[in-house]
Protein backbone atom coordinates (compact mmCIF):
# COMPACT_ATOMS: atom_id res chain seq x y z
CA UNK A 1 -41.70 -6.29 -36.46
CA UNK A 2 -45.27 -5.05 -36.96
CA UNK A 3 -45.76 -5.83 -33.04
CA UNK A 4 -42.73 -3.51 -32.22
CA UNK A 5 -44.17 -0.65 -34.59
CA UNK A 6 -47.53 -0.98 -32.93
CA UNK A 7 -45.92 -0.73 -29.56
CA UNK A 8 -43.79 2.35 -30.48
CA UNK A 9 -47.07 3.94 -31.85
CA UNK A 10 -48.94 3.24 -28.78
CA UNK A 11 -45.93 4.62 -26.79
CA UNK A 12 -46.02 7.79 -28.94
CA UNK A 13 -49.72 8.23 -28.51
CA UNK A 14 -49.28 8.05 -24.84
CA UNK A 15 -46.44 10.61 -24.84
CA UNK A 16 -48.60 12.85 -26.80
CA UNK A 17 -51.52 12.49 -24.49
CA UNK A 18 -49.36 13.10 -21.38
CA UNK A 19 -48.18 16.38 -22.97
CA UNK A 20 -51.71 17.33 -23.92
CA UNK A 21 -52.69 16.89 -20.10
CA UNK A 22 -49.76 18.63 -18.97
CA UNK A 23 -47.76 20.66 -21.71
CA UNK A 24 -45.53 22.16 -19.22
CA UNK A 25 -44.32 19.03 -17.61
CA UNK A 26 -40.45 19.08 -18.27
CA UNK A 27 -39.72 15.47 -17.47
CA UNK A 28 -42.62 14.21 -19.79
CA UNK A 29 -41.07 16.46 -22.46
CA UNK A 30 -37.59 15.21 -22.02
CA UNK A 31 -38.60 11.54 -21.93
CA UNK A 32 -40.61 12.33 -25.30
CA UNK A 33 -37.49 13.77 -26.69
CA UNK A 34 -35.59 10.63 -25.83
CA UNK A 35 -38.16 8.70 -27.56
CA UNK A 36 -38.32 10.62 -30.66
CA UNK A 37 -34.35 10.60 -30.94
CA UNK A 38 -33.87 6.96 -30.02
CA UNK A 39 -36.97 5.18 -31.50
CA UNK A 40 -38.12 7.56 -34.15
CA UNK A 41 -34.87 8.83 -35.11
CA UNK A 42 -36.15 12.35 -35.77
CA UNK A 43 -33.16 14.45 -34.58
CA UNK A 44 -34.72 17.97 -35.50
CA UNK A 45 -37.84 17.13 -33.35
CA UNK A 46 -35.81 15.49 -30.61
CA UNK A 47 -33.77 18.57 -30.28
CA UNK A 48 -36.70 20.98 -30.30
CA UNK A 49 -38.29 18.82 -27.45
CA UNK A 50 -34.99 18.72 -25.50
CA UNK A 51 -34.63 22.41 -25.65
CA UNK A 52 -38.44 22.93 -24.62
CA UNK A 53 -37.83 20.51 -21.48
CA UNK A 54 -34.92 22.77 -20.51
CA UNK A 55 -36.84 25.77 -21.16
CA UNK A 56 -39.61 24.33 -18.83
CA UNK A 57 -37.07 23.35 -16.09
CA UNK A 58 -33.97 25.56 -16.59
CA UNK A 59 -32.35 24.42 -13.23
CA UNK A 60 -32.82 20.66 -13.87
CA UNK A 61 -29.63 18.71 -14.03
CA UNK A 62 -31.56 15.94 -15.98
CA UNK A 63 -32.80 18.39 -18.55
CA UNK A 64 -29.45 19.86 -18.95
CA UNK A 65 -27.71 16.32 -19.35
CA UNK A 66 -30.39 15.43 -21.80
CA UNK A 67 -29.91 18.30 -24.13
CA UNK A 68 -26.06 18.30 -23.58
CA UNK A 69 -25.67 14.57 -24.50
CA UNK A 70 -27.92 15.06 -27.42
CA UNK A 71 -25.85 18.03 -28.51
CA UNK A 72 -22.69 15.86 -28.12
CA UNK A 73 -23.78 12.67 -29.67
CA UNK A 74 -25.67 13.84 -32.66
CA UNK A 75 -25.02 17.51 -33.28
CA UNK A 76 -21.33 17.42 -32.34
CA UNK A 77 -21.89 20.98 -30.75
CA UNK A 78 -19.38 20.65 -28.05
CA UNK A 79 -18.97 24.38 -27.27
CA UNK A 80 -22.82 24.46 -26.54
CA UNK A 81 -23.03 21.00 -24.78
CA UNK A 82 -19.86 21.49 -22.40
CA UNK A 83 -21.48 24.41 -20.28
CA UNK A 84 -24.72 22.66 -20.04
CA UNK A 85 -22.90 19.48 -18.75
CA UNK A 86 -20.81 21.32 -16.37
CA UNK A 87 -23.60 23.15 -14.94
CA UNK A 88 -25.63 19.79 -14.59
CA UNK A 89 -22.62 18.24 -12.83
CA UNK A 90 -22.22 21.28 -10.49
CA UNK A 91 -25.92 20.84 -9.49
CA UNK A 92 -25.59 16.93 -9.21
CA UNK A 93 -22.13 15.89 -8.72
CA UNK A 94 -23.21 12.44 -7.59
CA UNK A 95 -25.21 11.65 -10.55
CA UNK A 96 -23.33 8.82 -12.56
CA UNK A 97 -24.93 9.63 -15.76
CA UNK A 98 -24.09 13.32 -15.51
CA UNK A 99 -20.47 12.41 -14.59
CA UNK A 100 -20.07 10.08 -17.71
CA UNK A 101 -21.82 12.52 -19.96
CA UNK A 102 -19.25 15.36 -19.11
CA UNK A 103 -16.35 12.60 -19.23
CA UNK A 104 -17.37 11.90 -22.61
CA UNK A 105 -17.54 15.25 -23.95
CA UNK A 106 -14.25 16.39 -22.46
CA UNK A 107 -12.66 13.06 -24.04
CA UNK A 108 -14.22 13.70 -27.44
CA UNK A 109 -12.85 17.40 -27.31
CA UNK A 110 -9.53 16.08 -26.17
CA UNK A 111 -9.12 18.37 -23.40
CA UNK A 112 -8.82 18.05 -19.71
CA UNK A 113 -8.28 14.22 -19.76
CA UNK A 114 -7.18 13.77 -16.21
CA UNK A 115 -10.56 15.53 -15.33
CA UNK A 116 -12.31 13.09 -17.80
CA UNK A 117 -10.79 9.99 -16.23
CA UNK A 118 -11.71 11.18 -12.75
CA UNK A 119 -15.22 11.62 -13.85
CA UNK A 120 -15.22 8.15 -15.60
CA UNK A 121 -14.20 6.61 -12.41
CA UNK A 122 -16.67 8.56 -10.38
CA UNK A 123 -19.53 7.60 -12.96
CA UNK A 124 -18.72 3.68 -12.59
CA UNK A 125 -18.39 4.24 -8.80
CA UNK A 126 -21.85 6.08 -8.48
CA UNK A 127 -23.52 3.86 -11.12
CA UNK A 128 -21.98 0.26 -10.90
CA UNK A 129 -25.05 -1.20 -12.73
CA UNK A 130 -24.99 1.46 -15.51
CA UNK A 131 -23.56 -0.49 -18.51
CA UNK A 132 -23.04 2.75 -20.71
CA UNK A 133 -20.79 4.30 -17.61
CA UNK A 134 -18.66 1.22 -17.85
CA UNK A 135 -18.67 0.97 -21.74
CA UNK A 136 -17.63 4.71 -22.21
CA UNK A 137 -14.85 4.41 -19.61
CA UNK A 138 -13.51 1.26 -21.54
CA UNK A 139 -13.34 3.37 -24.31
CA UNK A 140 -11.48 6.06 -22.64
CA UNK A 141 -9.10 3.45 -21.19
CA UNK A 142 -8.54 1.84 -24.62
CA UNK A 143 -8.15 4.82 -26.91
CA UNK A 144 -6.68 7.55 -24.34
CA UNK A 145 -4.81 5.56 -21.71
CA UNK A 146 -3.91 2.53 -24.09
CA UNK A 147 -4.55 0.46 -20.78
CA UNK A 148 -6.06 -2.62 -22.82
CA UNK A 149 -6.45 -4.99 -19.77
CA UNK A 150 -8.67 -2.34 -17.82
CA UNK A 151 -10.47 -1.62 -21.22
CA UNK A 152 -11.36 -5.26 -21.82
CA UNK A 153 -12.30 -5.47 -18.01
CA UNK A 154 -14.77 -2.54 -18.54
CA UNK A 155 -16.08 -3.84 -21.79
CA UNK A 156 -16.89 -7.27 -20.08
CA UNK A 157 -18.73 -5.53 -17.27
CA UNK A 158 -20.69 -3.44 -19.67
CA UNK A 159 -21.70 -6.71 -21.55
CA UNK A 160 -22.20 -8.45 -18.13
CA UNK A 161 -24.96 -5.70 -17.54
CA UNK A 162 -26.41 -5.61 -21.20
CA UNK A 163 -25.55 -9.18 -22.65
CA UNK A 164 -28.06 -8.57 -25.61
CA UNK A 165 -26.08 -5.60 -26.78
CA UNK A 166 -25.26 -6.70 -30.45
CA UNK A 167 -23.16 -3.64 -31.26
CA UNK A 168 -20.82 -3.95 -28.06
CA UNK A 169 -20.74 -7.74 -28.60
CA UNK A 170 -19.19 -7.06 -32.18
CA UNK A 171 -16.83 -4.38 -30.74
CA UNK A 172 -15.61 -6.67 -28.10
CA UNK A 173 -14.78 -9.46 -30.69
CA UNK A 174 -12.96 -6.91 -32.89
CA UNK A 175 -11.19 -5.39 -29.79
CA UNK A 176 -9.83 -8.85 -28.89
CA UNK A 177 -8.85 -9.50 -32.38
CA UNK A 178 -6.79 -6.28 -32.43
CA UNK A 179 -5.17 -6.96 -29.07
CA UNK A 180 -4.53 -10.66 -29.11
CA UNK A 181 -1.18 -11.56 -27.77
CA UNK A 182 1.24 -12.61 -30.29
């Protein structure tokens, strides 16, 4: 555990140094925001950094997607996130991550579910090696379409791509228990 902490401390030192050298670099800022969110679990600082990254590159689909996904996942600020994700999708319609992010927010909001399904399908098509795209589409198929065989296929694909994801392993086990044939 101490080695992981040491590695994370070193990563953070490198992020900070990169930003000292180039404080207006939007990608460095956005990547640091993701690190602060995912590793350090400091949501307030992560949001500040995501907003700063978008301020530095206001026309960047990746920066829009980063902030939009954060606002969706952490803050549940759908009204603020949706226009960001729509604009990102407009600018980069062939980006699987962006298609998936927009599909997830539409699903979470319970609106435009046909569009959400189309976007999920497109995300998996564009990014067949992206486990999260498959996973989120599986959740859609399970919870919205009630298509259990298709959901299971997508969950299995996600775990094929990320076999060490313990959270997904546990979810799939419970899913199979809930949906076993009687």
